[in-house]
Amino acid sequence: MLISLNSKVAFVCGASQGIGKAIAYQFALAGAKVILLARNEENLSKNVFELRQKTGIEHSYICCDISNQNDLESKVKHILEQNQSIDVLVNNTGGPAPGKLTDAELEDFQKAFAQHILSAQLLVKLLLPGMISKNFGRIINIVSVGMRQPIDNLGVSNTIRGAMGSWAKTLSREVAPYGITVNNILPGYTATERLQFLLEQTAFRNNTSYDMELNKILERIPAKRLGSPDEIAYLATFLASDYASYINGASIPVDGGFLFCI
């Protein structure tokens, strides 16, 4: 089975590094024209240059803080004014800071809600008309296994992930008649910059080492290893394709068997 995204335009958030970058690369290799969004312009410029070299396709980027709604809306509207509709949207952004719910401030929830829920809602409102006009659209949300099984010391993250899951499920039912699907990918422990940061924070808090905290995690994963960003990206590429037209409203773990729930 050859997955082709030829003639498709994909908008990938959080694409300067980690999972977002891997998804942008796999989409491009499958033939899509990709618009990368993130805050780090140096990384974005480098990624777009590499993708152009690899694929010969004119990819582009938007440098923007996704929680800045006015800036995000203005820059996305500029793309749409150039008669460029978007076929595939990947909602992906960095997770909230670690910590217990009992230590969280209201501002932590407000920031996380804006970064995850409000940005996704804004992008859908902007891009949905173009998808409806084509009778085709793919909305893929990179969430977390914490949506199904809360993870210790990620109180705000667990809360927001659950809200994202409910938002996506509701949206999937509303847009299904227009040939549009909405699905969630739930990464488990994946070798990303965020996981490295979380492990370093945990080691500092517990007065242990990075390697000790990593080994604790590996013991809990049946596969006994971390996932790679590419393994998330492969699923995203399939969900973006015509092959996944009857998969809608699903939340799919990519976690090496970590989750206990069915």
C-alpha atoms as a PDB file:
ATOM      1  CA  MET A   1       0.000   0.000   0.000  1.00  0.00           C
ATOM      2  CA  LEU A   2       1.471   3.305  -1.122  1.00  0.00           C
ATOM      3  CA  ILE A   3       0.243   6.324   0.813  1.00  0.00           C
ATOM      4  CA  SER A   4       0.076   9.429  -1.347  1.00  0.00           C
ATOM      5  CA  LEU A   5      -0.772  12.948  -0.248  1.00  0.00           C
ATOM      6  CA  ASN A   6      -0.133  14.408  -3.692  1.00  0.00           C
ATOM      7  CA  SER A   7      -2.048  17.656  -4.352  1.00  0.00           C
ATOM      8  CA  LYS A   8      -2.864  17.980  -0.640  1.00  0.00           C
ATOM      9  CA  VAL A   9      -1.922  21.017   1.453  1.00  0.00           C
ATOM     10  CA  ALA A  10      -1.172  20.302   5.105  1.00  0.00           C
ATOM     11  CA  PHE A  11      -0.898  22.725   8.014  1.00  0.00           C
ATOM     12  CA  VAL A  12       1.230  21.312  10.847  1.00  0.00           C
ATOM     13  CA  CYS A  13       1.471  23.082  14.195  1.00  0.00           C
ATOM     14  CA  GLY A  14       4.471  22.727  16.471  1.00  0.00           C
ATOM     15  CA  ALA A  15       6.610  21.739  13.497  1.00  0.00           C
ATOM     16  CA  SER A  16       9.987  23.130  14.534  1.00  0.00           C
ATOM     17  CA  GLN A  17      11.018  19.970  16.395  1.00  0.00           C
ATOM     18  CA  GLY A  18       9.871  16.652  17.832  1.00  0.00           C
ATOM     19  CA  ILE A  19       6.616  15.037  16.744  1.00  0.00           C
ATOM     20  CA  GLY A  20       5.411  18.031  14.729  1.00  0.00           C
ATOM     21  CA  LYS A  21       8.615  18.142  12.719  1.00  0.00           C
ATOM     22  CA  ALA A  22       8.438  14.397  12.051  1.00  0.00           C
ATOM     23  CA  ILE A  23       4.841  14.707  10.819  1.00  0.00           C
ATOM     24  CA  ALA A  24       5.739  17.590   8.510  1.00  0.00           C
ATOM     25  CA  TYR A  25       8.578  15.522   7.036  1.00  0.00           C
ATOM     26  CA  GLN A  26       6.456  12.419   6.459  1.00  0.00           C
ATOM     27  CA  PHE A  27       3.654  14.462   4.901  1.00  0.00           C
ATOM     28  CA  ALA A  28       6.147  16.109   2.557  1.00  0.00           C
ATOM     29  CA  LEU A  29       7.715  12.783   1.595  1.00  0.00           C
ATOM     30  CA  ALA A  30       4.202  11.510   0.798  1.00  0.00           C
ATOM     31  CA  GLY A  31       3.750  14.392  -1.646  1.00  0.00           C
ATOM     32  CA  ALA A  32       1.913  17.047   0.368  1.00  0.00           C
ATOM     33  CA  LYS A  33       2.710  20.725   0.308  1.00  0.00           C
ATOM     34  CA  VAL A  34       3.323  21.535   3.966  1.00  0.00           C
ATOM     35  CA  ILE A  35       2.943  24.757   5.920  1.00  0.00           C
ATOM     36  CA  LEU A  36       4.885  24.512   9.175  1.00  0.00           C
ATOM     37  CA  LEU A  37       3.950  26.601  12.212  1.00  0.00           C
ATOM     38  CA  ALA A  38       5.984  27.184  15.368  1.00  0.00           C
ATOM     39  CA  ARG A  39       7.726  29.921  17.362  1.00  0.00           C
ATOM     40  CA  ASN A  40      11.337  29.046  16.511  1.00  0.00           C
ATOM     41  CA  GLU A  41      11.990  30.713  13.162  1.00  0.00           C
ATOM     42  CA  GLU A  42      15.541  29.397  12.895  1.00  0.00           C
ATOM     43  CA  ASN A  43      14.352  25.785  13.117  1.00  0.00           C
ATOM     44  CA  LEU A  44      11.390  26.441  10.826  1.00  0.00           C
ATOM     45  CA  SER A  45      13.598  27.956   8.138  1.00  0.00           C
ATOM     46  CA  LYS A  46      16.009  25.037   8.359  1.00  0.00           C
ATOM     47  CA  ASN A  47      13.213  22.465   8.185  1.00  0.00           C
ATOM     48  CA  VAL A  48      11.550  24.091   5.175  1.00  0.00           C
ATOM     49  CA  PHE A  49      14.877  24.299   3.345  1.00  0.00           C
ATOM     50  CA  GLU A  50      15.529  20.598   3.960  1.00  0.00           C
ATOM     51  CA  LEU A  51      12.025  19.643   2.824  1.00  0.00           C
ATOM     52  CA  ARG A  52      12.372  21.637  -0.381  1.00  0.00           C
ATOM     53  CA  GLN A  53      15.675  19.913  -1.087  1.00  0.00           C
ATOM     54  CA  LYS A  54      14.203  16.463  -0.445  1.00  0.00           C
ATOM     55  CA  THR A  55      10.909  16.833  -2.306  1.00  0.00           C
ATOM     56  CA  GLY A  56      11.212  19.662  -4.816  1.00  0.00           C
ATOM     57  CA  ILE A  57       7.940  21.062  -3.452  1.00  0.00           C
ATOM     58  CA  GLU A  58       7.594  24.684  -2.348  1.00  0.00           C
ATOM     59  CA  HIS A  59       6.858  24.274   1.363  1.00  0.00           C
ATOM     60  CA  SER A  60       6.510  27.288   3.663  1.00  0.00           C
ATOM     61  CA  TYR A  61       6.264  28.277   7.306  1.00  0.00           C
ATOM     62  CA  ILE A  62       4.544  30.656   9.711  1.00  0.00           C
ATOM     63  CA  CYS A  63       6.441  31.886  12.755  1.00  0.00           C
ATOM     64  CA  CYS A  64       3.822  32.452  15.426  1.00  0.00           C
ATOM     65  CA  ASP A  65       2.982  31.797  19.069  1.00  0.00           C
ATOM     66  CA  ILE A  66      -0.118  29.644  18.708  1.00  0.00           C
ATOM     67  CA  SER A  67      -1.606  31.031  21.922  1.00  0.00           C
ATOM     68  CA  ASN A  68      -1.531  34.553  20.431  1.00  0.00           C
ATOM     69  CA  GLN A  69      -4.937  34.321  18.791  1.00  0.00           C
ATOM     70  CA  ASN A  70      -4.846  37.664  16.970  1.00  0.00           C
ATOM     71  CA  ASP A  71      -1.471  36.968  15.385  1.00  0.00           C
ATOM     72  CA  LEU A  72      -2.450  33.398  14.503  1.00  0.00           C
ATOM     73  CA  GLU A  73      -5.712  34.476  12.885  1.00  0.00           C
ATOM     74  CA  SER A  74      -4.053  37.246  10.888  1.00  0.00           C
ATOM     75  CA  LYS A  75      -1.331  35.002   9.487  1.00  0.00           C
ATOM     76  CA  VAL A  76      -3.662  32.127   8.611  1.00  0.00           C
ATOM     77  CA  LYS A  77      -6.087  34.502   6.899  1.00  0.00           C
ATOM     78  CA  HIS A  78      -3.179  35.815   4.821  1.00  0.00           C
ATOM     79  CA  ILE A  79      -2.576  32.276   3.543  1.00  0.00           C
ATOM     80  CA  LEU A  80      -6.238  31.789   2.730  1.00  0.00           C
ATOM     81  CA  GLU A  81      -6.379  35.138   0.912  1.00  0.00           C
ATOM     82  CA  GLN A  82      -3.762  33.753  -1.456  1.00  0.00           C
ATOM     83  CA  ASN A  83      -6.402  31.211  -2.545  1.00  0.00           C
ATOM     84  CA  GLN A  84      -4.658  28.409  -0.696  1.00  0.00           C
ATOM     85  CA  SER A  85      -7.140  26.205   1.116  1.00  0.00           C
ATOM     86  CA  ILE A  86      -5.901  23.631   3.616  1.00  0.00           C
ATOM     87  CA  ASP A  87      -6.759  19.939   3.310  1.00  0.00           C
ATOM     88  CA  VAL A  88      -5.091  18.589   6.455  1.00  0.00           C
ATOM     89  CA  LEU A  89      -4.767  20.276   9.841  1.00  0.00           C
ATOM     90  CA  VAL A  90      -2.529  18.872  12.559  1.00  0.00           C
ATOM     91  CA  ASN A  91      -3.155  20.417  15.968  1.00  0.00           C
ATOM     92  CA  ASN A  92       0.031  19.886  17.938  1.00  0.00           C
ATOM     93  CA  THR A  93       1.543  22.063  20.625  1.00  0.00           C
ATOM     94  CA  GLY A  94       3.802  21.736  23.630  1.00  0.00           C
ATOM     95  CA  GLY A  95       2.269  20.383  26.793  1.00  0.00           C
ATOM     96  CA  PRO A  96       1.622  22.351  29.992  1.00  0.00           C
ATOM     97  CA  ALA A  97       4.295  22.484  32.654  1.00  0.00           C
ATOM     98  CA  PRO A  98       4.466  19.514  35.040  1.00  0.00           C
ATOM     99  CA  GLY A  99       3.074  19.718  38.540  1.00  0.00           C
ATOM    100  CA  LYS A 100       0.284  18.622  40.842  1.00  0.00           C
ATOM    101  CA  LEU A 101      -3.246  19.981  40.539  1.00  0.00           C
ATOM    102  CA  THR A 102      -3.040  21.104  44.150  1.00  0.00           C
ATOM    103  CA  ASP A 103      -0.120  23.358  43.219  1.00  0.00           C
ATOM    104  CA  ALA A 104      -1.615  24.690  39.965  1.00  0.00           C
ATOM    105  CA  GLU A 105      -2.793  28.287  39.634  1.00  0.00           C
ATOM    106  CA  LEU A 106      -5.795  29.467  37.649  1.00  0.00           C
ATOM    107  CA  GLU A 107      -3.388  31.129  35.229  1.00  0.00           C
ATOM    108  CA  ASP A 108      -1.881  27.726  34.430  1.00  0.00           C
ATOM    109  CA  PHE A 109      -5.275  26.446  33.291  1.00  0.00           C
ATOM    110  CA  GLN A 110      -6.045  29.615  31.336  1.00  0.00           C
ATOM    111  CA  LYS A 111      -2.726  29.430  29.510  1.00  0.00           C
ATOM    112  CA  ALA A 112      -3.146  25.727  28.703  1.00  0.00           C
ATOM    113  CA  PHE A 113      -6.740  26.227  27.541  1.00  0.00           C
ATOM    114  CA  ALA A 114      -5.681  29.013  25.176  1.00  0.00           C
ATOM    115  CA  GLN A 115      -2.714  27.045  23.886  1.00  0.00           C
ATOM    116  CA  HIS A 116      -4.611  23.833  23.189  1.00  0.00           C
ATOM    117  CA  ILE A 117      -8.382  24.283  22.951  1.00  0.00           C
ATOM    118  CA  LEU A 118      -8.770  27.868  21.769  1.00  0.00           C
ATOM    119  CA  SER A 119      -6.036  27.604  19.139  1.00  0.00           C
ATOM    120  CA  ALA A 120      -7.541  24.400  17.750  1.00  0.00           C
ATOM    121  CA  GLN A 121     -11.027  25.928  17.662  1.00  0.00           C
ATOM    122  CA  LEU A 122      -9.739  29.056  15.918  1.00  0.00           C
ATOM    123  CA  LEU A 123      -7.895  27.058  13.267  1.00  0.00           C
ATOM    124  CA  VAL A 124     -10.929  24.878  12.612  1.00  0.00           C
ATOM    125  CA  LYS A 125     -13.161  27.941  12.220  1.00  0.00           C
ATOM    126  CA  LEU A 126     -10.708  29.398   9.701  1.00  0.00           C
ATOM    127  CA  LEU A 127      -9.979  26.249   7.704  1.00  0.00           C
ATOM    128  CA  LEU A 128     -13.292  24.403   7.797  1.00  0.00           C
ATOM    129  CA  PRO A 129     -15.015  26.348   4.976  1.00  0.00           C
ATOM    130  CA  GLY A 130     -12.282  25.320   2.528  1.00  0.00           C
ATOM    131  CA  MET A 131     -12.527  21.693   3.593  1.00  0.00           C
ATOM    132  CA  ILE A 132     -16.310  21.716   3.220  1.00  0.00           C
ATOM    133  CA  SER A 133     -16.048  23.220  -0.269  1.00  0.00           C
ATOM    134  CA  LYS A 134     -13.819  20.304  -1.328  1.00  0.00           C
ATOM    135  CA  ASN A 135     -15.850  17.693   0.536  1.00  0.00           C
ATOM    136  CA  PHE A 136     -12.543  16.564   2.032  1.00  0.00           C
ATOM    137  CA  GLY A 137     -10.692  17.353   5.207  1.00  0.00           C
ATOM    138  CA  ARG A 138      -8.520  15.770   7.845  1.00  0.00           C
ATOM    139  CA  ILE A 139      -8.157  17.172  11.355  1.00  0.00           C
ATOM    140  CA  ILE A 140      -5.582  15.285  13.403  1.00  0.00           C
ATOM    141  CA  ASN A 141      -4.928  16.160  17.025  1.00  0.00           C
ATOM    142  CA  ILE A 142      -1.736  15.102  18.771  1.00  0.00           C
ATOM    143  CA  VAL A 143      -2.885  14.628  22.348  1.00  0.00           C
ATOM    144  CA  SER A 144      -1.428  12.176  24.919  1.00  0.00           C
ATOM    145  CA  VAL A 145      -2.124   8.858  26.608  1.00  0.00           C
ATOM    146  CA  GLY A 146      -2.873  11.101  29.590  1.00  0.00           C
ATOM    147  CA  MET A 147      -6.251  11.700  27.957  1.00  0.00           C
ATOM    148  CA  ARG A 148      -7.257   8.146  28.879  1.00  0.00           C
ATOM    149  CA  GLN A 149      -5.036   7.368  31.838  1.00  0.00           C
ATOM    150  CA  PRO A 150      -3.928  10.383  33.893  1.00  0.00           C
ATOM    151  CA  ILE A 151      -0.189  10.602  34.427  1.00  0.00           C
ATOM    152  CA  ASP A 152       1.205  11.503  37.845  1.00  0.00           C
ATOM    153  CA  ASN A 153       2.474  15.070  38.250  1.00  0.00           C
ATOM    154  CA  LEU A 154       0.867  16.252  35.000  1.00  0.00           C
ATOM    155  CA  GLY A 155      -2.295  17.650  36.561  1.00  0.00           C
ATOM    156  CA  VAL A 156      -3.000  20.523  34.178  1.00  0.00           C
ATOM    157  CA  SER A 157      -1.965  18.463  31.174  1.00  0.00           C
ATOM    158  CA  ASN A 158      -4.285  15.580  32.090  1.00  0.00           C
ATOM    159  CA  THR A 159      -7.177  18.018  32.479  1.00  0.00           C
ATOM    160  CA  ILE A 160      -6.620  19.781  29.166  1.00  0.00           C
ATOM    161  CA  ARG A 161      -6.056  16.517  27.277  1.00  0.00           C
ATOM    162  CA  GLY A 162      -9.442  15.276  28.456  1.00  0.00           C
ATOM    163  CA  ALA A 163     -11.074  18.486  27.265  1.00  0.00           C
ATOM    164  CA  MET A 164      -9.347  18.127  23.903  1.00  0.00           C
ATOM    165  CA  GLY A 165     -10.698  14.606  23.533  1.00  0.00           C
ATOM    166  CA  SER A 166     -14.276  15.742  24.162  1.00  0.00           C
ATOM    167  CA  TRP A 167     -13.875  18.677  21.780  1.00  0.00           C
ATOM    168  CA  ALA A 168     -12.568  16.413  19.018  1.00  0.00           C
ATOM    169  CA  LYS A 169     -15.264  13.766  19.462  1.00  0.00           C
ATOM    170  CA  THR A 170     -18.003  16.379  19.284  1.00  0.00           C
ATOM    171  CA  LEU A 171     -16.453  18.003  16.214  1.00  0.00           C
ATOM    172  CA  SER A 172     -16.045  14.655  14.447  1.00  0.00           C
ATOM    173  CA  ARG A 173     -19.803  14.085  14.492  1.00  0.00           C
ATOM    174  CA  GLU A 174     -20.585  17.580  13.266  1.00  0.00           C
ATOM    175  CA  VAL A 175     -18.280  17.557  10.231  1.00  0.00           C
ATOM    176  CA  ALA A 176     -18.588  13.915   9.136  1.00  0.00           C
ATOM    177  CA  PRO A 177     -21.307  14.639   6.513  1.00  0.00           C
ATOM    178  CA  TYR A 178     -18.821  16.848   4.641  1.00  0.00           C
ATOM    179  CA  GLY A 179     -16.164  14.195   4.055  1.00  0.00           C
ATOM    180  CA  ILE A 180     -14.108  15.478   6.976  1.00  0.00           C
ATOM    181  CA  THR A 181     -12.634  13.287   9.694  1.00  0.00           C
ATOM    182  CA  VAL A 182     -11.362  14.254  13.132  1.00  0.00           C
ATOM    183  CA  ASN A 183      -9.062  11.872  14.987  1.00  0.00           C
ATOM    184  CA  ASN A 184      -6.683  11.950  17.933  1.00  0.00           C
ATOM    185  CA  ILE A 185      -3.277  10.343  18.202  1.00  0.00           C
ATOM    186  CA  LEU A 186      -2.268   9.562  21.779  1.00  0.00           C
ATOM    187  CA  PRO A 187       1.522   9.337  22.000  1.00  0.00           C
ATOM    188  CA  GLY A 188       2.986   7.460  24.910  1.00  0.00           C
ATOM    189  CA  TYR A 189       6.507   8.096  26.131  1.00  0.00           C
ATOM    190  CA  THR A 190       8.282   9.353  23.013  1.00  0.00           C
ATOM    191  CA  ALA A 191      11.884  10.468  22.559  1.00  0.00           C
ATOM    192  CA  THR A 192      11.268  14.204  22.297  1.00  0.00           C
ATOM    193  CA  GLU A 193      12.666  17.365  23.800  1.00  0.00           C
ATOM    194  CA  ARG A 194       9.609  17.599  26.077  1.00  0.00           C
ATOM    195  CA  LEU A 195      10.181  14.154  27.556  1.00  0.00           C
ATOM    196  CA  GLN A 196      13.817  15.009  28.183  1.00  0.00           C
ATOM    197  CA  PHE A 197      12.705  18.162  30.008  1.00  0.00           C
ATOM    198  CA  LEU A 198      10.153  16.264  32.101  1.00  0.00           C
ATOM    199  CA  LEU A 199      12.697  13.622  33.073  1.00  0.00           C
ATOM    200  CA  GLU A 200      15.221  16.268  34.052  1.00  0.00           C
ATOM    201  CA  GLN A 201      12.585  17.994  36.195  1.00  0.00           C
ATOM    202  CA  THR A 202      11.625  14.707  37.840  1.00  0.00           C
ATOM    203  CA  ALA A 203      15.243  13.815  38.547  1.00  0.00           C
ATOM    204  CA  PHE A 204      15.805  17.210  40.153  1.00  0.00           C
ATOM    205  CA  ARG A 205      12.657  16.913  42.269  1.00  0.00           C
ATOM    206  CA  ASN A 206      13.502  13.373  43.415  1.00  0.00           C
ATOM    207  CA  ASN A 207      17.236  14.023  43.820  1.00  0.00           C
ATOM    208  CA  THR A 208      17.994  11.195  41.393  1.00  0.00           C
ATOM    209  CA  SER A 209      19.475  11.083  37.888  1.00  0.00           C
ATOM    210  CA  TYR A 210      18.060  11.340  34.383  1.00  0.00           C
ATOM    211  CA  ASP A 211      18.987   7.723  33.640  1.00  0.00           C
ATOM    212  CA  MET A 212      17.310   6.465  36.802  1.00  0.00           C
ATOM    213  CA  GLU A 213      14.059   8.240  35.946  1.00  0.00           C
ATOM    214  CA  LEU A 214      14.220   7.016  32.348  1.00  0.00           C
ATOM    215  CA  ASN A 215      14.655   3.424  33.507  1.00  0.00           C
ATOM    216  CA  LYS A 216      11.601   3.765  35.762  1.00  0.00           C
ATOM    217  CA  ILE A 217       9.555   4.683  32.707  1.00  0.00           C
ATOM    218  CA  LEU A 218      10.966   1.909  30.543  1.00  0.00           C
ATOM    219  CA  GLU A 219      10.001  -0.633  33.194  1.00  0.00           C
ATOM    220  CA  ARG A 220       6.356   0.446  32.800  1.00  0.00           C
ATOM    221  CA  ILE A 221       6.313   0.085  29.004  1.00  0.00           C
ATOM    222  CA  PRO A 222       5.787  -3.479  27.733  1.00  0.00           C
ATOM    223  CA  ALA A 223       7.896  -2.688  24.650  1.00  0.00           C
ATOM    224  CA  LYS A 224      10.749  -1.649  26.999  1.00  0.00           C
ATOM    225  CA  ARG A 225      11.690   1.351  24.876  1.00  0.00           C
ATOM    226  CA  LEU A 226      10.621   4.863  24.020  1.00  0.00           C
ATOM    227  CA  GLY A 227       8.686   5.597  20.866  1.00  0.00           C
ATOM    228  CA  SER A 228      10.179   7.700  18.098  1.00  0.00           C
ATOM    229  CA  PRO A 229       8.549  10.807  16.599  1.00  0.00           C
ATOM    230  CA  ASP A 230       8.516   9.039  13.233  1.00  0.00           C
ATOM    231  CA  GLU A 231       6.267   6.315  14.653  1.00  0.00           C
ATOM    232  CA  ILE A 232       3.692   8.974  15.486  1.00  0.00           C
ATOM    233  CA  ALA A 233       4.176  10.560  12.076  1.00  0.00           C
ATOM    234  CA  TYR A 234       3.528   7.307  10.196  1.00  0.00           C
ATOM    235  CA  LEU A 235       0.071   7.036  11.765  1.00  0.00           C
ATOM    236  CA  ALA A 236      -0.644  10.710  11.111  1.00  0.00           C
ATOM    237  CA  THR A 237       0.241  10.232   7.441  1.00  0.00           C
ATOM    238  CA  PHE A 238      -2.158   7.304   7.154  1.00  0.00           C
ATOM    239  CA  LEU A 239      -4.955   9.237   8.885  1.00  0.00           C
ATOM    240  CA  ALA A 240      -4.379  12.132   6.480  1.00  0.00           C
ATOM    241  CA  SER A 241      -4.794   9.891   3.442  1.00  0.00           C
ATOM    242  CA  ASP A 242      -7.787   8.643   1.472  1.00  0.00           C
ATOM    243  CA  TYR A 243      -7.295   5.211   3.050  1.00  0.00           C
ATOM    244  CA  ALA A 244      -8.538   6.547   6.404  1.00  0.00           C
ATOM    245  CA  SER A 245     -11.801   8.045   5.136  1.00  0.00           C
ATOM    246  CA  TYR A 246     -13.950   5.820   7.405  1.00  0.00           C
ATOM    247  CA  ILE A 247     -11.904   6.375  10.552  1.00  0.00           C
ATOM    248  CA  ASN A 248     -13.539   9.223  12.436  1.00  0.00           C
ATOM    249  CA  GLY A 249     -13.778  10.258  16.075  1.00  0.00           C
ATOM    250  CA  ALA A 250     -11.078   7.772  17.066  1.00  0.00           C
ATOM    251  CA  SER A 251      -8.360   8.172  19.694  1.00  0.00           C
ATOM    252  CA  ILE A 252      -5.468   5.895  18.811  1.00  0.00           C
ATOM    253  CA  PRO A 253      -2.628   5.208  21.274  1.00  0.00           C
ATOM    254  CA  VAL A 254       0.932   4.862  20.006  1.00  0.00           C
ATOM    255  CA  ASP A 255       2.482   3.852  23.296  1.00  0.00           C
ATOM    256  CA  GLY A 256       4.253   0.492  23.156  1.00  0.00           C
ATOM    257  CA  GLY A 257       1.432  -1.045  25.203  1.00  0.00           C
ATOM    258  CA  PHE A 258       1.697   1.439  28.095  1.00  0.00           C
ATOM    259  CA  LEU A 259      -2.028   1.984  28.650  1.00  0.00           C
ATOM    260  CA  PHE A 260      -3.864  -0.478  30.882  1.00  0.00           C
ATOM    261  CA  CYS A 261      -7.335   0.592  29.729  1.00  0.00           C
ATOM    262  CA  ILE A 262      -9.060  -1.051  26.780  1.00  0.00           C
END
